[in-house]
Structure formats: C-alpha cells, structure tokens
PDB file of N, CA and C in Angstrom:
ATOM      1  N   MET A   1      10.642  26.534  28.986  1.00  0.00           N
ATOM      2  CA  MET A   1      11.132  25.653  28.288  1.00  0.00           C
ATOM      3  C   MET A   1      11.331  26.531  26.848  1.00  0.00           C
ATOM      4  N   ILE A   2      12.664  26.788  25.843  1.00  0.00           N
ATOM      5  CA  ILE A   2      13.142  27.156  24.971  1.00  0.00           C
ATOM      6  C   ILE A   2      12.594  26.261  23.311  1.00  0.00           C
ATOM      7  N   LEU A   3      11.707  27.291  22.938  1.00  0.00           N
ATOM      8  CA  LEU A   3      11.613  26.354  21.890  1.00  0.00           C
ATOM      9  C   LEU A   3      12.922  27.131  20.579  1.00  0.00           C
ATOM     10  N   GLU A   4      14.001  25.932  19.882  1.00  0.00           N
ATOM     11  CA  GLU A   4      14.548  26.346  19.259  1.00  0.00           C
ATOM     12  C   GLU A   4      13.626  25.997  17.710  1.00  0.00           C
ATOM     13  N   VAL A   5      13.858  27.086  16.776  1.00  0.00           N
ATOM     14  CA  VAL A   5      13.677  27.300  15.144  1.00  0.00           C
ATOM     15  C   VAL A   5      14.358  27.586  14.193  1.00  0.00           C
ATOM     16  N   ALA A   6      14.188  26.394  13.902  1.00  0.00           N
ATOM     17  CA  ALA A   6      15.746  26.438  12.359  1.00  0.00           C
ATOM     18  C   ALA A   6      14.641  25.948  11.230  1.00  0.00           C
ATOM     19  N   ILE A   7      14.866  26.687  10.033  1.00  0.00           N
ATOM     20  CA  ILE A   7      14.546  26.486   8.732  1.00  0.00           C
ATOM     21  C   ILE A   7      15.508  26.166   8.152  1.00  0.00           C
ATOM     22  N   LEU A   8      14.964  24.776   7.407  1.00  0.00           N
ATOM     23  CA  LEU A   8      16.275  24.027   6.996  1.00  0.00           C
ATOM     24  C   LEU A   8      15.982  24.121   5.485  1.00  0.00           C
ATOM     25  N   PRO A   9      16.894  24.917   3.843  1.00  0.00           N
ATOM     26  CA  PRO A   9      17.349  24.774   2.743  1.00  0.00           C
ATOM     27  C   PRO A   9      17.893  23.569   2.782  1.00  0.00           C
ATOM     28  N   VAL A  10      16.816  22.006   2.478  1.00  0.00           N
ATOM     29  CA  VAL A  10      18.359  21.314   2.070  1.00  0.00           C
ATOM     30  C   VAL A  10      18.160  21.015   0.275  1.00  0.00           C
ATOM     31  N   ILE A  11      19.603  20.759  -0.315  1.00  0.00           N
ATOM     32  CA  ILE A  11      20.125  20.987  -1.932  1.00  0.00           C
ATOM     33  C   ILE A  11      19.084  19.982  -2.263  1.00  0.00           C
ATOM     34  N   ALA A  12      18.339  20.325  -3.638  1.00  0.00           N
ATOM     35  CA  ALA A  12      17.713  19.900  -4.139  1.00  0.00           C
ATOM     36  C   ALA A  12      18.002  18.424  -4.571  1.00  0.00           C
ATOM     37  N   GLY A  13      17.023  17.807  -4.617  1.00  0.00           N
ATOM     38  CA  GLY A  13      17.510  15.842  -5.219  1.00  0.00           C
ATOM     39  C   GLY A  13      18.299  15.054  -4.094  1.00  0.00           C
ATOM     40  N   LYS A  14      18.009  16.141  -3.018  1.00  0.00           N
ATOM     41  CA  LYS A  14      19.094  15.302  -1.480  1.00  0.00           C
ATOM     42  C   LYS A  14      18.015  15.134  -0.171  1.00  0.00           C
ATOM     43  N   ASN A  15      16.600  14.743  -0.902  1.00  0.00           N
ATOM     44  CA  ASN A  15      15.917  15.075   0.555  1.00  0.00           C
ATOM     45  C   ASN A  15      16.370  13.358   1.075  1.00  0.00           C
ATOM     46  N   ALA A  16      15.422  12.581   0.344  1.00  0.00           N
ATOM     47  CA  ALA A  16      15.930  11.311   0.863  1.00  0.00           C
ATOM     48  C   ALA A  16      16.855  11.113   1.515  1.00  0.00           C
ATOM     49  N   GLU A  17      17.949  11.415   1.282  1.00  0.00           N
ATOM     50  CA  GLU A  17      19.613  11.018   1.760  1.00  0.00           C
ATOM     51  C   GLU A  17      19.338  11.818   3.484  1.00  0.00           C
ATOM     52  N   PHE A  18      19.128  13.324   3.448  1.00  0.00           N
ATOM     53  CA  PHE A  18      18.760  14.080   4.283  1.00  0.00           C
ATOM     54  C   PHE A  18      18.014  13.525   5.319  1.00  0.00           C
ATOM     55  N   GLU A  19      16.134  12.956   4.727  1.00  0.00           N
ATOM     56  CA  GLU A  19      15.165  12.583   5.755  1.00  0.00           C
ATOM     57  C   GLU A  19      16.073  11.000   6.621  1.00  0.00           C
ATOM     58  N   ALA A  20      17.042  10.158   5.467  1.00  0.00           N
ATOM     59  CA  ALA A  20      17.909   9.051   6.443  1.00  0.00           C
ATOM     60  C   ALA A  20      18.664   9.332   7.299  1.00  0.00           C
ATOM     61  N   ALA A  21      19.594  10.541   6.956  1.00  0.00           N
ATOM     62  CA  ALA A  21      20.847  10.895   8.214  1.00  0.00           C
ATOM     63  C   ALA A  21      19.767  11.700   8.993  1.00  0.00           C
ATOM     64  N   PHE A  22      18.524  12.328   9.079  1.00  0.00           N
ATOM     65  CA  PHE A  22      18.436  12.602  10.070  1.00  0.00           C
ATOM     66  C   PHE A  22      17.294  12.102  11.192  1.00  0.00           C
ATOM     67  N   ARG A  23      17.003  10.950  10.459  1.00  0.00           N
ATOM     68  CA  ARG A  23      16.555   9.886  11.616  1.00  0.00           C
ATOM     69  C   ARG A  23      17.746   9.005  12.214  1.00  0.00           C
ATOM     70  N   GLN A  24      18.874   9.225  11.595  1.00  0.00           N
ATOM     71  CA  GLN A  24      20.130   8.961  12.535  1.00  0.00           C
ATOM     72  C   GLN A  24      20.638   9.949  13.411  1.00  0.00           C
ATOM     73  N   ALA A  25      20.397  11.560  12.578  1.00  0.00           N
ATOM     74  CA  ALA A  25      20.200  11.998  13.720  1.00  0.00           C
ATOM     75  C   ALA A  25      19.454  12.537  15.020  1.00  0.00           C
ATOM     76  N   SER A  26      18.959  11.967  15.186  1.00  0.00           N
ATOM     77  CA  SER A  26      18.013  12.318  16.098  1.00  0.00           C
ATOM     78  C   SER A  26      17.928  11.379  17.449  1.00  0.00           C
ATOM     79  N   SER A  27      18.717  10.405  17.598  1.00  0.00           N
ATOM     80  CA  SER A  27      19.386   9.698  18.488  1.00  0.00           C
ATOM     81  C   SER A  27      20.125  10.356  19.192  1.00  0.00           C
ATOM     82  N   ILE A  28      21.186  11.037  18.460  1.00  0.00           N
ATOM     83  CA  ILE A  28      22.243  11.986  19.540  1.00  0.00           C
ATOM     84  C   ILE A  28      20.954  12.515  19.830  1.00  0.00           C
ATOM     85  N   ILE A  29      20.513  13.383  19.221  1.00  0.00           N
ATOM     86  CA  ILE A  29      20.176  14.870  19.547  1.00  0.00           C
ATOM     87  C   ILE A  29      18.662  14.416  21.224  1.00  0.00           C
ATOM     88  N   SER A  30      18.581  13.513  20.822  1.00  0.00           N
ATOM     89  CA  SER A  30      17.247  13.032  21.638  1.00  0.00           C
ATOM     90  C   SER A  30      18.002  12.723  23.096  1.00  0.00           C
ATOM     91  N   SER A  31      19.256  12.515  23.045  1.00  0.00           N
ATOM     92  CA  SER A  31      20.319  12.444  24.384  1.00  0.00           C
ATOM     93  C   SER A  31      21.178  13.107  25.211  1.00  0.00           C
ATOM     94  N   MET A  32      20.768  14.338  24.846  1.00  0.00           N
ATOM     95  CA  MET A  32      21.636  15.167  25.409  1.00  0.00           C
ATOM     96  C   MET A  32      20.453  15.347  26.635  1.00  0.00           C
ATOM     97  N   LYS A  33      21.081  16.457  27.263  1.00  0.00           N
ATOM     98  CA  LYS A  33      20.835  16.785  28.619  1.00  0.00           C
ATOM     99  C   LYS A  33      20.061  18.121  28.124  1.00  0.00           C
ATOM    100  N   GLY A  34      19.024  18.381  29.014  1.00  0.00           N
ATOM    101  CA  GLY A  34      17.534  19.099  28.379  1.00  0.00           C
ATOM    102  C   GLY A  34      17.127  19.005  27.417  1.00  0.00           C
ATOM    103  N   TYR A  35      17.625  18.415  26.664  1.00  0.00           N
ATOM    104  CA  TYR A  35      16.409  17.887  25.772  1.00  0.00           C
ATOM    105  C   TYR A  35      15.025  17.481  26.081  1.00  0.00           C
ATOM    106  N   LEU A  36      14.019  18.062  25.595  1.00  0.00           N
ATOM    107  CA  LEU A  36      12.658  17.907  25.659  1.00  0.00           C
ATOM    108  C   LEU A  36      11.977  17.106  24.617  1.00  0.00           C
ATOM    109  N   SER A  37      12.012  17.083  23.130  1.00  0.00           N
ATOM    110  CA  SER A  37      11.209  17.511  21.815  1.00  0.00           C
ATOM    111  C   SER A  37      11.717  17.579  20.761  1.00  0.00           C
ATOM    112  N   HIS A  38      11.423  16.500  20.315  1.00  0.00           N
ATOM    113  CA  HIS A  38      11.869  17.708  18.568  1.00  0.00           C
ATOM    114  C   HIS A  38      10.792  17.153  17.678  1.00  0.00           C
ATOM    115  N   GLU A  39      10.510  17.910  16.429  1.00  0.00           N
ATOM    116  CA  GLU A  39       9.876  17.566  15.828  1.00  0.00           C
ATOM    117  C   GLU A  39      10.420  18.117  13.745  1.00  0.00           C
ATOM    118  N   LEU A  40      10.885  17.603  13.007  1.00  0.00           N
ATOM    119  CA  LEU A  40      10.881  17.826  11.700  1.00  0.00           C
ATOM    120  C   LEU A  40       9.691  17.241  10.527  1.00  0.00           C
ATOM    121  N   GLN A  41       9.182  19.166  10.045  1.00  0.00           N
ATOM    122  CA  GLN A  41       8.080  19.101   9.067  1.00  0.00           C
ATOM    123  C   GLN A  41       9.255  19.135   7.850  1.00  0.00           C
ATOM    124  N   THR A  42       8.092  18.829   6.298  1.00  0.00           N
ATOM    125  CA  THR A  42       8.562  19.066   5.567  1.00  0.00           C
ATOM    126  C   THR A  42       7.171  20.283   5.202  1.00  0.00           C
ATOM    127  N   CYS A  43       8.116  21.594   4.091  1.00  0.00           N
ATOM    128  CA  CYS A  43       6.972  22.430   3.935  1.00  0.00           C
ATOM    129  C   CYS A  43       6.043  21.889   2.371  1.00  0.00           C
ATOM    130  N   LEU A  44       5.154  22.410   2.167  1.00  0.00           N
ATOM    131  CA  LEU A  44       4.197  21.975   1.642  1.00  0.00           C
ATOM    132  C   LEU A  44       4.573  22.805   0.486  1.00  0.00           C
ATOM    133  N   GLU A  45       4.920  23.609   0.134  1.00  0.00           N
ATOM    134  CA  GLU A  45       5.390  25.114  -1.359  1.00  0.00           C
ATOM    135  C   GLU A  45       6.543  24.419  -1.607  1.00  0.00           C
ATOM    136  N   ASP A  46       7.768  23.964  -0.693  1.00  0.00           N
ATOM    137  CA  ASP A  46       8.897  24.143  -1.255  1.00  0.00           C
ATOM    138  C   ASP A  46       9.239  22.730  -0.657  1.00  0.00           C
ATOM    139  N   ARG A  47       8.964  21.439  -1.502  1.00  0.00           N
ATOM    140  CA  ARG A  47       9.694  19.936  -0.742  1.00  0.00           C
ATOM    141  C   ARG A  47      11.259  20.287   0.054  1.00  0.00           C
ATOM    142  N   ASN A  48      11.931  21.290  -0.519  1.00  0.00           N
ATOM    143  CA  ASN A  48      13.266  21.358  -0.490  1.00  0.00           C
ATOM    144  C   ASN A  48      13.524  22.355   0.859  1.00  0.00           C
ATOM    145  N   LYS A  49      12.739  22.355   1.512  1.00  0.00           N
ATOM    146  CA  LYS A  49      13.075  23.080   2.826  1.00  0.00           C
ATOM    147  C   LYS A  49      12.163  22.526   3.927  1.00  0.00           C
ATOM    148  N   TYR A  50      12.968  22.719   5.048  1.00  0.00           N
ATOM    149  CA  TYR A  50      11.968  21.611   6.323  1.00  0.00           C
ATOM    150  C   TYR A  50      12.471  22.791   7.516  1.00  0.00           C
ATOM    151  N   LEU A  51      10.969  22.161   8.623  1.00  0.00           N
ATOM    152  CA  LEU A  51      11.190  22.943   9.513  1.00  0.00           C
ATOM    153  C   LEU A  51      11.478  22.547  10.820  1.00  0.00           C
ATOM    154  N   LEU A  52      12.364  22.746  11.465  1.00  0.00           N
ATOM    155  CA  LEU A  52      12.733  21.857  12.562  1.00  0.00           C
ATOM    156  C   LEU A  52      12.653  22.584  14.085  1.00  0.00           C
ATOM    157  N   LEU A  53      12.050  21.842  15.054  1.00  0.00           N
ATOM    158  CA  LEU A  53      11.459  22.365  16.277  1.00  0.00           C
ATOM    159  C   LEU A  53      12.454  21.665  17.218  1.00  0.00           C
ATOM    160  N   VAL A  54      13.039  21.682  18.259  1.00  0.00           N
ATOM    161  CA  VAL A  54      13.489  21.461  19.190  1.00  0.00           C
ATOM    162  C   VAL A  54      13.052  22.204  20.391  1.00  0.00           C
ATOM    163  N   LYS A  55      12.954  21.516  21.356  1.00  0.00           N
ATOM    164  CA  LYS A  55      12.173  21.971  22.824  1.00  0.00           C
ATOM    165  C   LYS A  55      13.329  21.460  23.726  1.00  0.00           C
ATOM    166  N   TRP A  56      14.060  22.145  24.327  1.00  0.00           N
ATOM    167  CA  TRP A  56      14.844  22.451  25.471  1.00  0.00           C
ATOM    168  C   TRP A  56      14.995  23.217  26.882  1.00  0.00           C
ATOM    169  N   GLU A  57      15.207  22.653  28.090  1.00  0.00           N
ATOM    170  CA  GLU A  57      14.305  22.950  29.151  1.00  0.00           C
ATOM    171  C   GLU A  57      15.166  24.490  28.976  1.00  0.00           C
ATOM    172  N   THR A  58      16.994  24.787  28.995  1.00  0.00           N
ATOM    173  CA  THR A  58      17.503  26.067  28.942  1.00  0.00           C
ATOM    174  C   THR A  58      18.116  25.778  27.529  1.00  0.00           C
ATOM    175  N   LEU A  59      18.102  27.573  27.370  1.00  0.00           N
ATOM    176  CA  LEU A  59      18.880  28.239  26.835  1.00  0.00           C
ATOM    177  C   LEU A  59      20.225  27.453  25.937  1.00  0.00           C
ATOM    178  N   GLU A  60      20.508  27.504  27.503  1.00  0.00           N
ATOM    179  CA  GLU A  60      22.446  26.865  27.448  1.00  0.00           C
ATOM    180  C   GLU A  60      22.419  25.873  27.177  1.00  0.00           C
ATOM    181  N   ASP A  61      21.560  24.495  27.018  1.00  0.00           N
ATOM    182  CA  ASP A  61      21.114  23.218  27.253  1.00  0.00           C
ATOM    183  C   ASP A  61      21.343  22.800  25.435  1.00  0.00           C
ATOM    184  N   HIS A  62      21.324  24.032  24.679  1.00  0.00           N
ATOM    185  CA  HIS A  62      20.871  23.969  24.016  1.00  0.00           C
ATOM    186  C   HIS A  62      22.309  24.537  23.386  1.00  0.00           C
ATOM    187  N   THR A  63      22.887  26.000  23.161  1.00  0.00           N
ATOM    188  CA  THR A  63      24.007  26.860  23.138  1.00  0.00           C
ATOM    189  C   THR A  63      25.134  26.272  23.202  1.00  0.00           C
ATOM    190  N   VAL A  64      24.822  26.022  24.464  1.00  0.00           N
ATOM    191  CA  VAL A  64      26.390  25.604  25.061  1.00  0.00           C
ATOM    192  C   VAL A  64      26.228  24.032  25.508  1.00  0.00           C
ATOM    193  N   GLY A  65      25.504  23.298  25.796  1.00  0.00           N
ATOM    194  CA  GLY A  65      25.978  21.443  26.163  1.00  0.00           C
ATOM    195  C   GLY A  65      25.640  20.983  24.184  1.00  0.00           C
ATOM    196  N   PHE A  66      24.647  20.993  24.691  1.00  0.00           N
ATOM    197  CA  PHE A  66      24.717  20.373  22.920  1.00  0.00           C
ATOM    198  C   PHE A  66      25.389  21.077  21.270  1.00  0.00           C
ATOM    199  N   ARG A  67      25.650  22.468  21.653  1.00  0.00           N
ATOM    200  CA  ARG A  67      26.817  22.313  20.345  1.00  0.00           C
ATOM    201  C   ARG A  67      28.344  22.527  20.850  1.00  0.00           C
ATOM    202  N   GLY A  68      28.665  22.341  22.650  1.00  0.00           N
ATOM    203  CA  GLY A  68      29.720  21.921  22.793  1.00  0.00           C
ATOM    204  C   GLY A  68      30.609  20.972  22.846  1.00  0.00           C
ATOM    205  N   SER A  69      29.021  19.773  22.449  1.00  0.00           N
ATOM    206  CA  SER A  69      29.855  18.368  22.422  1.00  0.00           C
ATOM    207  C   SER A  69      30.162  17.889  21.839  1.00  0.00           C
ATOM    208  N   ALA A  70      30.992  16.641  22.111  1.00  0.00           N
ATOM    209  CA  ALA A  70      30.913  15.987  20.644  1.00  0.00           C
ATOM    210  C   ALA A  70      30.219  15.287  20.376  1.00  0.00           C
ATOM    211  N   GLU A  71      28.602  15.087  20.834  1.00  0.00           N
ATOM    212  CA  GLU A  71      27.148  14.930  20.097  1.00  0.00           C
ATOM    213  C   GLU A  71      27.504  15.483  19.201  1.00  0.00           C
ATOM    214  N   TYR A  72      27.524  16.753  19.057  1.00  0.00           N
ATOM    215  CA  TYR A  72      27.125  17.872  18.000  1.00  0.00           C
ATOM    216  C   TYR A  72      28.156  17.984  16.690  1.00  0.00           C
ATOM    217  N   GLN A  73      29.375  17.477  17.365  1.00  0.00           N
ATOM    218  CA  GLN A  73      30.336  17.207  15.652  1.00  0.00           C
ATOM    219  C   GLN A  73      29.665  16.093  15.340  1.00  0.00           C
ATOM    220  N   GLU A  74      29.050  14.968  15.307  1.00  0.00           N
ATOM    221  CA  GLU A  74      28.720  13.774  14.721  1.00  0.00           C
ATOM    222  C   GLU A  74      27.540  14.313  14.553  1.00  0.00           C
ATOM    223  N   TRP A  75      26.678  15.329  14.755  1.00  0.00           N
ATOM    224  CA  TRP A  75      25.515  16.009  14.324  1.00  0.00           C
ATOM    225  C   TRP A  75      25.796  16.883  13.252  1.00  0.00           C
ATOM    226  N   ARG A  76      26.742  17.350  13.837  1.00  0.00           N
ATOM    227  CA  ARG A  76      27.348  18.294  12.288  1.00  0.00           C
ATOM    228  C   ARG A  76      27.571  17.477  10.568  1.00  0.00           C
ATOM    229  N   LYS A  77      28.309  16.621  11.202  1.00  0.00           N
ATOM    230  CA  LYS A  77      28.670  15.616   9.794  1.00  0.00           C
ATOM    231  C   LYS A  77      28.335  14.902   9.311  1.00  0.00           C
ATOM    232  N   LEU A  78      26.612  14.372   9.749  1.00  0.00           N
ATOM    233  CA  LEU A  78      25.886  13.880   9.430  1.00  0.00           C
ATOM    234  C   LEU A  78      24.586  14.989   8.861  1.00  0.00           C
ATOM    235  N   LEU A  79      24.595  15.904   9.546  1.00  0.00           N
ATOM    236  CA  LEU A  79      23.880  16.766   8.574  1.00  0.00           C
ATOM    237  C   LEU A  79      24.407  17.455   7.679  1.00  0.00           C
ATOM    238  N   HIS A  80      25.038  18.611   8.171  1.00  0.00           N
ATOM    239  CA  HIS A  80      25.307  19.988   7.633  1.00  0.00           C
ATOM    240  C   HIS A  80      25.336  19.983   6.499  1.00  0.00           C
ATOM    241  N   HIS A  81      25.817  19.413   5.490  1.00  0.00           N
ATOM    242  CA  HIS A  81      26.563  19.041   4.382  1.00  0.00           C
ATOM    243  C   HIS A  81      25.046  18.728   3.217  1.00  0.00           C
ATOM    244  N   PHE A  82      23.860  19.270   3.799  1.00  0.00           N
ATOM    245  CA  PHE A  82      22.886  18.960   3.010  1.00  0.00           C
ATOM    246  C   PHE A  82      22.417  20.064   2.701  1.00  0.00           C
ATOM    247  N   TYR A  83      22.764  21.219   3.750  1.00  0.00           N
ATOM    248  CA  TYR A  83      21.830  22.876   4.077  1.00  0.00           C
ATOM    249  C   TYR A  83      22.774  23.819   2.458  1.00  0.00           C
ATOM    250  N   ASP A  84      21.753  24.483   2.020  1.00  0.00           N
ATOM    251  CA  ASP A  84      22.570  25.607   1.388  1.00  0.00           C
ATOM    252  C   ASP A  84      21.153  26.856   1.393  1.00  0.00           C
ATOM    253  N   PRO A  85      21.094  27.722   1.646  1.00  0.00           N
ATOM    254  CA  PRO A  85      22.264  28.675   2.187  1.00  0.00           C
ATOM    255  C   PRO A  85      22.314  28.019   3.313  1.00  0.00           C
ATOM    256  N   PHE A  86      23.317  27.963   4.623  1.00  0.00           N
ATOM    257  CA  PHE A  86      23.593  27.248   6.435  1.00  0.00           C
ATOM    258  C   PHE A  86      21.630  28.122   6.545  1.00  0.00           C
ATOM    259  N   PRO A  87      21.250  27.532   7.273  1.00  0.00           N
ATOM    260  CA  PRO A  87      20.175  27.728   8.063  1.00  0.00           C
ATOM    261  C   PRO A  87      20.568  28.793   9.295  1.00  0.00           C
ATOM    262  N   VAL A  88      19.434  29.609   9.475  1.00  0.00           N
ATOM    263  CA  VAL A  88      19.635  30.379  10.495  1.00  0.00           C
ATOM    264  C   VAL A  88      19.127  29.761  11.989  1.00  0.00           C
ATOM    265  N   VAL A  89      19.498  29.433  12.813  1.00  0.00           N
ATOM    266  CA  VAL A  89      18.694  29.353  14.396  1.00  0.00           C
ATOM    267  C   VAL A  89      17.957  30.327  15.124  1.00  0.00           C
ATOM    268  N   GLU A  90      17.022  30.123  15.423  1.00  0.00           N
ATOM    269  CA  GLU A  90      16.708  30.958  16.714  1.00  0.00           C
ATOM    270  C   GLU A  90      15.781  30.350  18.272  1.00  0.00           C
ATOM    271  N   HIS A  91      15.269  30.829  18.889  1.00  0.00           N
ATOM    272  CA  HIS A  91      15.148  30.743  20.363  1.00  0.00           C
ATOM    273  C   HIS A  91      14.012  31.465  20.661  1.00  0.00           C
ATOM    274  N   TYR A  92      12.859  30.449  20.916  1.00  0.00           N
ATOM    275  CA  TYR A  92      11.871  31.652  21.343  1.00  0.00           C
ATOM    276  C   TYR A  92      11.765  30.973  23.008  1.00  0.00           C
ATOM    277  N   THR A  93      10.530  31.957  23.511  1.00  0.00           N
ATOM    278  CA  THR A  93       9.931  31.567  24.650  1.00  0.00           C
ATOM    279  C   THR A  93       8.396  32.033  24.691  1.00  0.00           C
ATOM    280  N   PRO A  94       7.910  31.175  25.457  1.00  0.00           N
ATOM    281  CA  PRO A  94       6.356  31.378  25.621  1.00  0.00           C
ATOM    282  C   PRO A  94       6.161  33.274  26.053  1.00  0.00           C
ATOM    283  N   THR A  95       5.072  33.608  25.303  1.00  0.00           N
ATOM    284  CA  THR A  95       4.588  34.744  25.928  1.00  0.00           C
ATOM    285  C   THR A  95       3.766  35.108  27.044  1.00  0.00           C
ATOM    286  N   GLN A  96       3.577  35.798  27.652  1.00  0.00           N
ATOM    287  CA  GLN A  96       2.942  36.383  27.983  1.00  0.00           C
ATOM    288  C   GLN A  96       1.160  36.179  27.616  1.00  0.00           C
ATOM    289  N   ALA A  97       1.095  36.625  26.623  1.00  0.00           N
ATOM    290  CA  ALA A  97       0.110  36.619  25.806  1.00  0.00           C
ATOM    291  C   ALA A  97      -0.496  35.378  25.682  1.00  0.00           C
ATOM    292  N   TYR A  98      -0.046  34.398  25.025  1.00  0.00           N
ATOM    293  CA  TYR A  98      -0.391  33.250  25.480  1.00  0.00           C
ATOM    294  C   TYR A  98      -0.269  32.181  26.099  1.00  0.00           C
ATOM    295  N   MET A  99      -0.354  31.675  26.812  1.00  0.00           N
ATOM    296  CA  MET A  99       0.074  30.596  28.256  1.00  0.00           C
ATOM    297  C   MET A  99      -1.039  29.361  28.195  1.00  0.00           C
ATOM    298  N   PRO A 100      -0.820  28.632  27.083  1.00  0.00           N
ATOM    299  CA  PRO A 100      -1.453  27.002  27.237  1.00  0.00           C
ATOM    300  C   PRO A 100      -1.417  26.799  28.468  1.00  0.00           C
ATOM    301  N   GLU A 101      -3.166  26.016  28.675  1.00  0.00           N
ATOM    302  CA  GLU A 101      -3.115  25.464  30.092  1.00  0.00           C
ATOM    303  C   GLU A 101      -2.451  23.904  30.339  1.00  0.00           C
TER     304      GLU A 101
END
C-alpha cells in the first residue's frame, strides 16, 4: 500500500468552490484501478490549506495509471486552478518501525 500525501494551498476566498469541485472529483479518483481510499482535511491554523491523503495499491497505480489517464485530465480541469502555489505530492510506505495490527 502506498500513501499519496499532498498539501493543497487553495486561493483565499475559493474554499467553497474548491470543496464543491473536490466532491465532484472524488468520484473520478475513486473509480481508478488501484485506488483504495482517500480523505481531504482542512488545516485548523490556515483554512486555505488542505491535506489530501490517497491510498493506492501501488505507486504506479497513481503515477502511471491515474496520472496517465483521461480521467486525470478531468480531475486536473476541476481542481488545479484552485492551487497557488501548485502542491507538492509525495508518496509514503509503511516503515518497519510501525506496523499496525
């Protein structure tokens, strides 16, 4: 399992529009091969900052399958104009130091 982590800096005053677009975009990502789950959280200290967490079966399910798809182009059209600056996306995997039961 791979965890995609992105901090999404949304343009001030666009929160409601972004959240509405994200609800629509959620159906896109959840239909993709290798998708396991996702969540979007709002930062308490900065209401224009969101945390996106997406669980994928493999790294390639995200980086090749999703990003290389026509569905990603729709995702991009719905969401990317809300970000300033564009978010950094990173991928994580469980460490041997902590393995939940």
